[in-house]
Amino acid sequence: MPMGKHKIPFSFALPAQIPSSFEGNISYVRYDIKASLKGGFMKQDYKDIRGLQVNSVVDLNHNLSAAVLNN
């Protein structure tokens, strides 16, 4: 590859029912994506890891444990 900035487009479909990202006091759900560029012509391999935010849609009408009782 010639010297300079390069963008390599890609796509990846996430599974339909994965939980949303979450950060709590004693637990978390995190998602990272890792990219690496390897080649015999380069002096070193290049790696990068980035976090991503997942926001899943949840229909609370179908979740009985999410029901709120009004007194």
C-alpha atoms as a PDB file:
ATOM      1  CA  MET A   1       0.000   0.000   0.000  1.00  0.00           C
ATOM      2  CA  PRO A   2       1.312   3.436  -0.755  1.00  0.00           C
ATOM      3  CA  MET A   3       2.031   5.818   2.086  1.00  0.00           C
ATOM      4  CA  GLY A   4      -0.968   7.799   3.387  1.00  0.00           C
ATOM      5  CA  LYS A   5      -4.417   7.340   4.890  1.00  0.00           C
ATOM      6  CA  HIS A   6      -6.525   4.439   3.697  1.00  0.00           C
ATOM      7  CA  LYS A   7     -10.143   3.500   4.372  1.00  0.00           C
ATOM      8  CA  ILE A   8     -11.246  -0.077   3.889  1.00  0.00           C
ATOM      9  CA  PRO A   9     -15.046  -0.373   4.124  1.00  0.00           C
ATOM     10  CA  PHE A  10     -16.532  -3.438   5.779  1.00  0.00           C
ATOM     11  CA  SER A  11     -19.779  -4.517   7.381  1.00  0.00           C
ATOM     12  CA  PHE A  12     -20.758  -7.036  10.009  1.00  0.00           C
ATOM     13  CA  ALA A  13     -24.287  -8.010  11.050  1.00  0.00           C
ATOM     14  CA  LEU A  14     -24.766  -8.305  14.803  1.00  0.00           C
ATOM     15  CA  PRO A  15     -27.028 -11.085  16.105  1.00  0.00           C
ATOM     16  CA  ALA A  16     -30.652  -9.950  16.461  1.00  0.00           C
ATOM     17  CA  GLN A  17     -31.125 -10.535  20.200  1.00  0.00           C
ATOM     18  CA  ILE A  18     -27.854  -9.369  21.779  1.00  0.00           C
ATOM     19  CA  PRO A  19     -28.160  -7.267  24.940  1.00  0.00           C
ATOM     20  CA  SER A  20     -27.512  -3.537  24.924  1.00  0.00           C
ATOM     21  CA  SER A  21     -24.205  -2.180  26.159  1.00  0.00           C
ATOM     22  CA  PHE A  22     -24.284  -1.559  29.909  1.00  0.00           C
ATOM     23  CA  GLU A  23     -21.917  -0.199  32.553  1.00  0.00           C
ATOM     24  CA  GLY A  24     -22.804  -0.898  36.185  1.00  0.00           C
ATOM     25  CA  ASN A  25     -21.056  -0.823  39.559  1.00  0.00           C
ATOM     26  CA  ILE A  26     -20.380  -4.569  39.632  1.00  0.00           C
ATOM     27  CA  SER A  27     -21.059  -5.724  36.071  1.00  0.00           C
ATOM     28  CA  TYR A  28     -20.930  -4.613  32.454  1.00  0.00           C
ATOM     29  CA  VAL A  29     -21.734  -5.633  28.893  1.00  0.00           C
ATOM     30  CA  ARG A  30     -19.183  -4.255  26.427  1.00  0.00           C
ATOM     31  CA  TYR A  31     -18.562  -4.771  22.743  1.00  0.00           C
ATOM     32  CA  ASP A  32     -15.266  -4.175  20.955  1.00  0.00           C
ATOM     33  CA  ILE A  33     -14.207  -4.543  17.367  1.00  0.00           C
ATOM     34  CA  LYS A  34     -10.636  -5.460  16.507  1.00  0.00           C
ATOM     35  CA  ALA A  35      -8.917  -4.818  13.182  1.00  0.00           C
ATOM     36  CA  SER A  36      -5.461  -5.927  12.146  1.00  0.00           C
ATOM     37  CA  LEU A  37      -3.369  -5.350   9.054  1.00  0.00           C
ATOM     38  CA  LYS A  38      -0.684  -7.915   8.383  1.00  0.00           C
ATOM     39  CA  GLY A  39       1.644  -8.245   5.457  1.00  0.00           C
ATOM     40  CA  GLY A  40       5.084  -9.460   4.562  1.00  0.00           C
ATOM     41  CA  PHE A  41       6.066  -6.144   2.978  1.00  0.00           C
ATOM     42  CA  MET A  42       5.474  -4.157   6.181  1.00  0.00           C
ATOM     43  CA  LYS A  43       8.014  -3.811   8.943  1.00  0.00           C
ATOM     44  CA  GLN A  44       5.331  -4.352  11.585  1.00  0.00           C
ATOM     45  CA  ASP A  45       1.733  -5.491  11.940  1.00  0.00           C
ATOM     46  CA  TYR A  46      -0.882  -2.860  12.763  1.00  0.00           C
ATOM     47  CA  LYS A  47      -3.714  -3.517  15.214  1.00  0.00           C
ATOM     48  CA  ASP A  48      -6.535  -1.358  16.538  1.00  0.00           C
ATOM     49  CA  ILE A  49      -9.372  -2.056  18.978  1.00  0.00           C
ATOM     50  CA  ARG A  50     -12.397   0.232  19.284  1.00  0.00           C
ATOM     51  CA  GLY A  51     -15.386   0.035  21.591  1.00  0.00           C
ATOM     52  CA  LEU A  52     -18.854   0.341  20.178  1.00  0.00           C
ATOM     53  CA  GLN A  53     -22.224   1.077  21.726  1.00  0.00           C
ATOM     54  CA  VAL A  54     -25.092  -1.368  21.117  1.00  0.00           C
ATOM     55  CA  ASN A  55     -28.651  -0.169  21.756  1.00  0.00           C
ATOM     56  CA  SER A  56     -31.134  -3.012  21.433  1.00  0.00           C
ATOM     57  CA  VAL A  57     -34.842  -2.380  21.036  1.00  0.00           C
ATOM     58  CA  VAL A  58     -36.886  -4.090  23.746  1.00  0.00           C
ATOM     59  CA  ASP A  59     -40.686  -4.216  23.716  1.00  0.00           C
ATOM     60  CA  LEU A  60     -41.601  -3.978  27.411  1.00  0.00           C
ATOM     61  CA  ASN A  61     -45.209  -4.872  26.576  1.00  0.00           C
ATOM     62  CA  HIS A  62     -44.054  -8.455  26.090  1.00  0.00           C
ATOM     63  CA  ASN A  63     -41.901  -8.589  29.250  1.00  0.00           C
ATOM     64  CA  LEU A  64     -43.978  -9.421  32.326  1.00  0.00           C
ATOM     65  CA  SER A  65     -41.103  -8.717  34.720  1.00  0.00           C
ATOM     66  CA  ALA A  66     -41.036  -5.097  33.492  1.00  0.00           C
ATOM     67  CA  ALA A  67     -44.671  -4.462  34.529  1.00  0.00           C
ATOM     68  CA  VAL A  68     -45.153  -1.569  36.949  1.00  0.00           C
ATOM     69  CA  LEU A  69     -47.891  -1.833  39.553  1.00  0.00           C
ATOM     70  CA  ASN A  70     -49.822   1.370  40.222  1.00  0.00           C
ATOM     71  CA  ASN A  71     -51.239   1.691  43.761  1.00  0.00           C
END
